[in-house]
């Protein structure tokens, strides 16, 4: 499995929790010829007073037993479940496709024909998120419990490349 997708062109998504810098994460994705979006790992750093204090959940496919996972299936079917990330005892997230054809109202706009998944962290069952993926855009909304706290995220705008 890994050898068929490693040669793909990757995209790195930088995710920064703002205010006082709390977290900075780089996620590595690639899309295969069938249009599945693969997840190859993340480099996560948490900060206290501007200094890295931990790197929880960091993993890279093909290192220390880690395997790539699927972030978005090309042909989703309601009720399907799949592994998103896997590094034993570090990152073990799974997704369940809850709904096809949903809608999501976010500050950027209203999206229809949205895919809704429920994502779980098998290492911490208190982490339970619903994610909404807009066609041609990707993640537009998420909500749920993360580390015992309610977390809600919405797409605010899309900037055109310069």
C-alpha atoms as a PDB file:
ATOM      1  CA  UNK A   1       0.000   0.000   0.000  1.00  0.00           C
ATOM      2  CA  UNK A   2       2.645   2.549   1.002  1.00  0.00           C
ATOM      3  CA  UNK A   3       4.795   2.074  -2.086  1.00  0.00           C
ATOM      4  CA  UNK A   4       1.873   2.869  -4.398  1.00  0.00           C
ATOM      5  CA  UNK A   5       1.216   6.268  -2.835  1.00  0.00           C
ATOM      6  CA  UNK A   6       4.599   7.539  -1.632  1.00  0.00           C
ATOM      7  CA  UNK A   7       5.553   8.746  -5.114  1.00  0.00           C
ATOM      8  CA  UNK A   8       2.576  11.125  -5.164  1.00  0.00           C
ATOM      9  CA  UNK A   9       3.031  14.872  -5.015  1.00  0.00           C
ATOM     10  CA  UNK A  10       2.307  16.029  -1.461  1.00  0.00           C
ATOM     11  CA  UNK A  11       0.762  19.225  -0.172  1.00  0.00           C
ATOM     12  CA  UNK A  12       1.636  20.559   3.264  1.00  0.00           C
ATOM     13  CA  UNK A  13      -1.086  22.352   5.216  1.00  0.00           C
ATOM     14  CA  UNK A  14       0.098  24.630   8.007  1.00  0.00           C
ATOM     15  CA  UNK A  15      -2.372  24.929  10.912  1.00  0.00           C
ATOM     16  CA  UNK A  16      -1.629  27.581  13.551  1.00  0.00           C
ATOM     17  CA  UNK A  17      -3.677  28.231  16.701  1.00  0.00           C
ATOM     18  CA  UNK A  18      -3.488  32.000  17.061  1.00  0.00           C
ATOM     19  CA  UNK A  19      -3.706  34.524  19.863  1.00  0.00           C
ATOM     20  CA  UNK A  20      -0.702  33.717  21.968  1.00  0.00           C
ATOM     21  CA  UNK A  21       0.954  30.973  19.902  1.00  0.00           C
ATOM     22  CA  UNK A  22      -0.402  27.714  21.332  1.00  0.00           C
ATOM     23  CA  UNK A  23       0.036  25.162  18.565  1.00  0.00           C
ATOM     24  CA  UNK A  24       1.646  24.906  15.150  1.00  0.00           C
ATOM     25  CA  UNK A  25       1.089  21.835  13.009  1.00  0.00           C
ATOM     26  CA  UNK A  26       2.087  20.803   9.502  1.00  0.00           C
ATOM     27  CA  UNK A  27      -0.045  18.065   7.909  1.00  0.00           C
ATOM     28  CA  UNK A  28       1.073  16.134   4.792  1.00  0.00           C
ATOM     29  CA  UNK A  29      -1.534  15.128   2.182  1.00  0.00           C
ATOM     30  CA  UNK A  30      -1.541  13.648  -1.321  1.00  0.00           C
ATOM     31  CA  UNK A  31      -4.277  12.739  -3.777  1.00  0.00           C
ATOM     32  CA  UNK A  32      -4.016   9.455  -5.692  1.00  0.00           C
ATOM     33  CA  UNK A  33      -5.181   8.673  -9.250  1.00  0.00           C
ATOM     34  CA  UNK A  34      -8.553   7.489  -7.875  1.00  0.00           C
ATOM     35  CA  UNK A  35      -9.002  10.849  -6.049  1.00  0.00           C
ATOM     36  CA  UNK A  36      -8.601   9.498  -2.503  1.00  0.00           C
ATOM     37  CA  UNK A  37      -6.866  12.059  -0.292  1.00  0.00           C
ATOM     38  CA  UNK A  38      -4.155  10.327   1.758  1.00  0.00           C
ATOM     39  CA  UNK A  39      -2.779  11.552   5.077  1.00  0.00           C
ATOM     40  CA  UNK A  40       0.952  10.907   5.527  1.00  0.00           C
ATOM     41  CA  UNK A  41       1.551  12.453   8.928  1.00  0.00           C
ATOM     42  CA  UNK A  42       1.873  15.602  10.953  1.00  0.00           C
ATOM     43  CA  UNK A  43       4.524  17.572  12.754  1.00  0.00           C
ATOM     44  CA  UNK A  44       2.822  19.021  15.836  1.00  0.00           C
ATOM     45  CA  UNK A  45       4.319  21.483  18.293  1.00  0.00           C
ATOM     46  CA  UNK A  46       2.545  22.915  21.348  1.00  0.00           C
ATOM     47  CA  UNK A  47       3.887  26.137  22.883  1.00  0.00           C
ATOM     48  CA  UNK A  48       3.968  27.705  26.329  1.00  0.00           C
ATOM     49  CA  UNK A  49       5.152  31.322  26.443  1.00  0.00           C
ATOM     50  CA  UNK A  50       6.464  31.007  22.876  1.00  0.00           C
ATOM     51  CA  UNK A  51       8.587  27.903  23.620  1.00  0.00           C
ATOM     52  CA  UNK A  52       7.869  24.380  22.333  1.00  0.00           C
ATOM     53  CA  UNK A  53       6.714  22.350  25.334  1.00  0.00           C
ATOM     54  CA  UNK A  54       5.527  19.144  23.618  1.00  0.00           C
ATOM     55  CA  UNK A  55       5.038  17.415  20.293  1.00  0.00           C
ATOM     56  CA  UNK A  56       1.948  15.250  20.925  1.00  0.00           C
ATOM     57  CA  UNK A  57       0.603  13.188  18.079  1.00  0.00           C
ATOM     58  CA  UNK A  58       3.481  13.798  15.673  1.00  0.00           C
ATOM     59  CA  UNK A  59       3.926  10.944  13.210  1.00  0.00           C
ATOM     60  CA  UNK A  60       5.193  10.217   9.724  1.00  0.00           C
ATOM     61  CA  UNK A  61       4.113   7.356   7.466  1.00  0.00           C
ATOM     62  CA  UNK A  62       6.674   4.544   7.250  1.00  0.00           C
ATOM     63  CA  UNK A  63       8.461   5.664  10.445  1.00  0.00           C
ATOM     64  CA  UNK A  64       8.137   3.688  13.712  1.00  0.00           C
ATOM     65  CA  UNK A  65       5.356   1.464  12.386  1.00  0.00           C
ATOM     66  CA  UNK A  66       3.205   4.356  11.144  1.00  0.00           C
ATOM     67  CA  UNK A  67       1.026   3.903   8.065  1.00  0.00           C
ATOM     68  CA  UNK A  68      -0.702   6.483   5.868  1.00  0.00           C
ATOM     69  CA  UNK A  69      -4.436   6.819   6.190  1.00  0.00           C
ATOM     70  CA  UNK A  70      -7.297   8.217   4.156  1.00  0.00           C
ATOM     71  CA  UNK A  71      -8.454  11.738   4.980  1.00  0.00           C
ATOM     72  CA  UNK A  72     -11.194  11.797   2.315  1.00  0.00           C
ATOM     73  CA  UNK A  73     -12.436   8.846   0.280  1.00  0.00           C
ATOM     74  CA  UNK A  74     -12.961   9.336  -3.449  1.00  0.00           C
ATOM     75  CA  UNK A  75     -16.274   7.459  -3.474  1.00  0.00           C
ATOM     76  CA  UNK A  76     -17.712   7.830   0.020  1.00  0.00           C
ATOM     77  CA  UNK A  77     -20.585   5.602   1.109  1.00  0.00           C
ATOM     78  CA  UNK A  78     -22.679   6.398   4.164  1.00  0.00           C
ATOM     79  CA  UNK A  79     -21.721   4.049   6.994  1.00  0.00           C
ATOM     80  CA  UNK A  80     -18.183   3.330   5.720  1.00  0.00           C
ATOM     81  CA  UNK A  81     -15.428   3.580   8.324  1.00  0.00           C
ATOM     82  CA  UNK A  82     -11.710   3.968   7.652  1.00  0.00           C
ATOM     83  CA  UNK A  83      -8.417   4.714   9.366  1.00  0.00           C
ATOM     84  CA  UNK A  84      -7.172   8.289   8.974  1.00  0.00           C
ATOM     85  CA  UNK A  85      -3.848   8.006  10.766  1.00  0.00           C
ATOM     86  CA  UNK A  86      -1.922   5.240  12.421  1.00  0.00           C
ATOM     87  CA  UNK A  87       1.198   5.224  14.545  1.00  0.00           C
ATOM     88  CA  UNK A  88       0.757   2.752  17.417  1.00  0.00           C
ATOM     89  CA  UNK A  89       0.129   4.492  20.779  1.00  0.00           C
ATOM     90  CA  UNK A  90       0.689   7.946  19.195  1.00  0.00           C
ATOM     91  CA  UNK A  91      -1.930   8.534  16.480  1.00  0.00           C
ATOM     92  CA  UNK A  92      -4.890   6.204  15.914  1.00  0.00           C
ATOM     93  CA  UNK A  93      -7.745   8.219  14.398  1.00  0.00           C
ATOM     94  CA  UNK A  94     -10.685   6.745  12.489  1.00  0.00           C
ATOM     95  CA  UNK A  95     -13.624   8.245  10.596  1.00  0.00           C
ATOM     96  CA  UNK A  96     -17.203   7.129   9.991  1.00  0.00           C
ATOM     97  CA  UNK A  97     -19.126   8.594   7.061  1.00  0.00           C
ATOM     98  CA  UNK A  98     -22.313   9.879   8.659  1.00  0.00           C
ATOM     99  CA  UNK A  99     -24.022  11.755   5.839  1.00  0.00           C
ATOM    100  CA  UNK A 100     -23.735  12.529   2.139  1.00  0.00           C
ATOM    101  CA  UNK A 101     -25.504  15.558   0.689  1.00  0.00           C
ATOM    102  CA  UNK A 102     -25.498  17.571   3.915  1.00  0.00           C
ATOM    103  CA  UNK A 103     -25.267  21.367   4.015  1.00  0.00           C
ATOM    104  CA  UNK A 104     -23.007  23.647   6.027  1.00  0.00           C
ATOM    105  CA  UNK A 105     -23.467  27.352   6.704  1.00  0.00           C
ATOM    106  CA  UNK A 106     -20.137  28.996   7.519  1.00  0.00           C
ATOM    107  CA  UNK A 107     -18.960  32.617   7.339  1.00  0.00           C
ATOM    108  CA  UNK A 108     -17.361  31.995   3.908  1.00  0.00           C
ATOM    109  CA  UNK A 109     -20.697  30.889   2.357  1.00  0.00           C
ATOM    110  CA  UNK A 110     -23.346  28.178   2.367  1.00  0.00           C
ATOM    111  CA  UNK A 111     -22.160  24.805   1.069  1.00  0.00           C
ATOM    112  CA  UNK A 112     -24.422  22.050  -0.237  1.00  0.00           C
ATOM    113  CA  UNK A 113     -23.652  18.440  -1.184  1.00  0.00           C
ATOM    114  CA  UNK A 114     -21.369  18.305   1.860  1.00  0.00           C
ATOM    115  CA  UNK A 115     -19.809  15.121   3.222  1.00  0.00           C
ATOM    116  CA  UNK A 116     -20.143  14.768   7.002  1.00  0.00           C
ATOM    117  CA  UNK A 117     -17.886  12.435   8.978  1.00  0.00           C
ATOM    118  CA  UNK A 118     -17.584  11.588  12.647  1.00  0.00           C
ATOM    119  CA  UNK A 119     -13.927  11.335  13.653  1.00  0.00           C
ATOM    120  CA  UNK A 120     -12.683   9.509  16.741  1.00  0.00           C
ATOM    121  CA  UNK A 121      -9.320   9.190  18.439  1.00  0.00           C
ATOM    122  CA  UNK A 122      -9.053   5.536  19.498  1.00  0.00           C
ATOM    123  CA  UNK A 123      -6.407   6.511  22.068  1.00  0.00           C
ATOM    124  CA  UNK A 124      -8.768   9.014  23.726  1.00  0.00           C
ATOM    125  CA  UNK A 125     -12.449   8.279  23.228  1.00  0.00           C
ATOM    126  CA  UNK A 126     -13.289  11.688  24.744  1.00  0.00           C
ATOM    127  CA  UNK A 127     -12.189  13.185  21.406  1.00  0.00           C
ATOM    128  CA  UNK A 128     -15.241  13.101  19.133  1.00  0.00           C
ATOM    129  CA  UNK A 129     -15.616  15.509  16.195  1.00  0.00           C
ATOM    130  CA  UNK A 130     -18.055  15.969  13.344  1.00  0.00           C
ATOM    131  CA  UNK A 131     -16.363  17.287  10.194  1.00  0.00           C
ATOM    132  CA  UNK A 132     -17.992  18.789   7.104  1.00  0.00           C
ATOM    133  CA  UNK A 133     -16.202  18.671   3.728  1.00  0.00           C
ATOM    134  CA  UNK A 134     -17.386  20.982   0.942  1.00  0.00           C
ATOM    135  CA  UNK A 135     -16.994  19.884  -2.685  1.00  0.00           C
ATOM    136  CA  UNK A 136     -13.844  21.280  -4.272  1.00  0.00           C
ATOM    137  CA  UNK A 137     -12.837  22.939  -0.983  1.00  0.00           C
ATOM    138  CA  UNK A 138     -12.291  20.339   1.722  1.00  0.00           C
ATOM    139  CA  UNK A 139     -12.895  20.953   5.415  1.00  0.00           C
ATOM    140  CA  UNK A 140     -15.345  23.840   5.932  1.00  0.00           C
ATOM    141  CA  UNK A 141     -16.592  23.139   9.461  1.00  0.00           C
ATOM    142  CA  UNK A 142     -15.855  20.983  12.480  1.00  0.00           C
ATOM    143  CA  UNK A 143     -17.353  20.703  15.905  1.00  0.00           C
ATOM    144  CA  UNK A 144     -17.008  18.418  18.857  1.00  0.00           C
ATOM    145  CA  UNK A 145     -14.974  17.529  21.891  1.00  0.00           C
ATOM    146  CA  UNK A 146     -11.185  17.747  21.811  1.00  0.00           C
ATOM    147  CA  UNK A 147      -9.252  16.996  24.991  1.00  0.00           C
ATOM    148  CA  UNK A 148     -12.492  17.362  26.949  1.00  0.00           C
ATOM    149  CA  UNK A 149     -13.254  20.863  25.585  1.00  0.00           C
ATOM    150  CA  UNK A 150     -15.802  21.952  22.999  1.00  0.00           C
ATOM    151  CA  UNK A 151     -14.100  23.027  19.774  1.00  0.00           C
ATOM    152  CA  UNK A 152     -15.809  24.640  16.788  1.00  0.00           C
ATOM    153  CA  UNK A 153     -14.028  25.738  13.609  1.00  0.00           C
ATOM    154  CA  UNK A 154     -15.538  27.372  10.497  1.00  0.00           C
ATOM    155  CA  UNK A 155     -14.132  28.391   7.141  1.00  0.00           C
ATOM    156  CA  UNK A 156     -14.120  32.170   7.152  1.00  0.00           C
ATOM    157  CA  UNK A 157     -12.660  32.950   3.722  1.00  0.00           C
ATOM    158  CA  UNK A 158     -10.678  31.554   0.824  1.00  0.00           C
ATOM    159  CA  UNK A 159      -7.833  33.666  -0.484  1.00  0.00           C
ATOM    160  CA  UNK A 160      -6.843  33.398  -4.118  1.00  0.00           C
ATOM    161  CA  UNK A 161      -3.134  32.721  -4.700  1.00  0.00           C
ATOM    162  CA  UNK A 162      -1.083  35.729  -5.738  1.00  0.00           C
END
